[in-house]
Each structure stands twice: as C-alpha cells, then as structure tokens.
Amino acid sequence: MKEKPGGMSCHEFQDQLPELIATGESLANHPHYRNCDLCRALLADLETIAEAARQLLPVVEPPDDLWEHIESAIKEEEHSQEEG
C-alpha cells in the first residue's frame, strides 16, 4: 500500500471518511486531504452527490401536532386491545 502525504494511504483515509464526515468538522485541515488530489476530488464528488440528493428529497417539517396524533393513536390502540 503506497504511503501518501500526511502519513496515511488513500485507502486508510477513505475508510475513515464516514466517521470524519459524521463529526461535521471541516476536512480542510486534515493532512491527507490537504495533500492528496485524488481524495479531494473524491470528497468534492461526494459533496455534489449529497447536494443533489438534498434537492431531490427536500426536508419537510412535520406538523406541530404530529406527536399529539401519534399519542392519541397509541392510546386508542391500547384502549381497543383492553376491551377486546
């Protein structure tokens, strides 16, 4: 496995990428990211894909009374099971 700048191979960096992204911190200061054109391009592609997915599936806020409806449905279900 070829060692890349920053003391880490591309394979090692890419294996850690989900955890690195999950932290929400910028990867701009990661030594491997700063010095590896291949991994910077990969991350740019992933960001493009993620943005396209966000546009396809916009976030929809649930109605304010959603939990009240869920709680009511659970209570009705419990009540009907007690009677049955």
Protein backbone atom coordinates (compact mmCIF):
# COMPACT_ATOMS: atom_id res chain seq x y z
CA MET A 1 0.00 0.00 0.00
CA LYS A 2 1.55 3.27 -1.07
CA GLU A 3 2.04 5.85 1.64
CA LYS A 4 0.58 9.24 0.76
CA PRO A 5 1.41 12.68 2.11
CA GLY A 6 0.02 13.17 5.57
CA GLY A 7 1.18 9.72 6.73
CA MET A 8 -1.91 7.87 5.52
CA SER A 9 -2.80 5.97 2.36
CA CYS A 10 -5.84 6.86 0.29
CA HIS A 11 -7.43 3.57 1.33
CA GLU A 12 -6.97 4.37 5.02
CA PHE A 13 -8.32 7.90 4.58
CA GLN A 14 -11.33 6.67 2.62
CA ASP A 15 -12.04 4.00 5.24
CA GLN A 16 -12.16 6.76 7.86
CA LEU A 17 -14.15 9.15 5.68
CA PRO A 18 -17.65 8.28 7.01
CA GLU A 19 -16.54 8.95 10.59
CA LEU A 20 -14.68 12.10 9.58
CA ILE A 21 -17.73 13.44 7.75
CA ALA A 22 -20.03 12.48 10.64
CA THR A 23 -18.11 14.75 13.00
CA GLY A 24 -19.30 17.73 10.97
CA GLU A 25 -15.85 19.26 11.13
CA SER A 26 -14.14 20.59 8.03
CA LEU A 27 -11.69 18.19 6.44
CA ALA A 28 -9.70 21.10 5.02
CA ASN A 29 -7.11 20.78 7.79
CA HIS A 30 -6.73 17.00 7.58
CA PRO A 31 -3.14 16.31 6.44
CA HIS A 32 -4.11 13.66 3.90
CA TYR A 33 -6.92 15.75 2.43
CA ARG A 34 -4.65 18.79 2.07
CA ASN A 35 -2.01 16.82 0.19
CA CYS A 36 -3.98 14.31 -1.90
CA ASP A 37 -5.60 15.46 -5.14
CA LEU A 38 -7.39 12.12 -5.54
CA CYS A 39 -9.12 12.24 -2.16
CA ARG A 40 -10.01 15.93 -2.53
CA ALA A 41 -11.66 15.10 -5.86
CA LEU A 42 -13.49 12.15 -4.28
CA LEU A 43 -14.83 14.32 -1.47
CA ALA A 44 -15.91 17.01 -3.96
CA ASP A 45 -17.82 14.34 -5.90
CA LEU A 46 -19.47 13.08 -2.70
CA GLU A 47 -20.49 16.63 -1.76
CA THR A 48 -22.01 17.13 -5.22
CA ILE A 49 -23.97 13.89 -4.89
CA ALA A 50 -25.16 14.81 -1.38
CA GLU A 51 -26.33 18.24 -2.57
CA ALA A 52 -28.21 16.69 -5.49
CA ALA A 53 -29.89 14.25 -3.09
CA ARG A 54 -30.95 17.12 -0.80
CA GLN A 55 -32.57 18.84 -3.78
CA LEU A 56 -34.39 15.67 -4.80
CA LEU A 57 -35.68 14.98 -1.31
CA PRO A 58 -36.30 18.28 0.43
CA VAL A 59 -36.68 18.27 4.19
CA VAL A 60 -40.30 18.57 5.18
CA GLU A 61 -41.08 19.73 8.67
CA PRO A 62 -43.76 17.63 10.36
CA PRO A 63 -46.91 19.38 11.56
CA ASP A 64 -46.73 20.80 15.08
CA ASP A 65 -49.40 18.42 16.37
CA LEU A 66 -47.82 15.23 14.97
CA TRP A 67 -46.81 13.86 18.37
CA GLU A 68 -50.30 14.54 19.74
CA HIS A 69 -51.79 12.49 16.90
CA ILE A 70 -49.32 9.66 17.49
CA GLU A 71 -50.00 9.65 21.23
CA SER A 72 -53.75 9.67 20.61
CA ALA A 73 -53.49 6.76 18.16
CA ILE A 74 -51.44 4.74 20.66
CA LYS A 75 -53.95 5.38 23.43
CA GLU A 76 -56.84 4.38 21.15
CA GLU A 77 -54.98 1.18 20.19
CA GLU A 78 -54.30 0.34 23.84
CA HIS A 79 -57.92 1.06 24.77
CA SER A 80 -59.29 -1.16 21.96
CA GLN A 81 -56.93 -4.00 22.99
CA GLU A 82 -58.09 -3.76 26.60
CA GLU A 83 -61.71 -4.05 25.52
CA GLY A 84 -61.07 -6.89 23.07
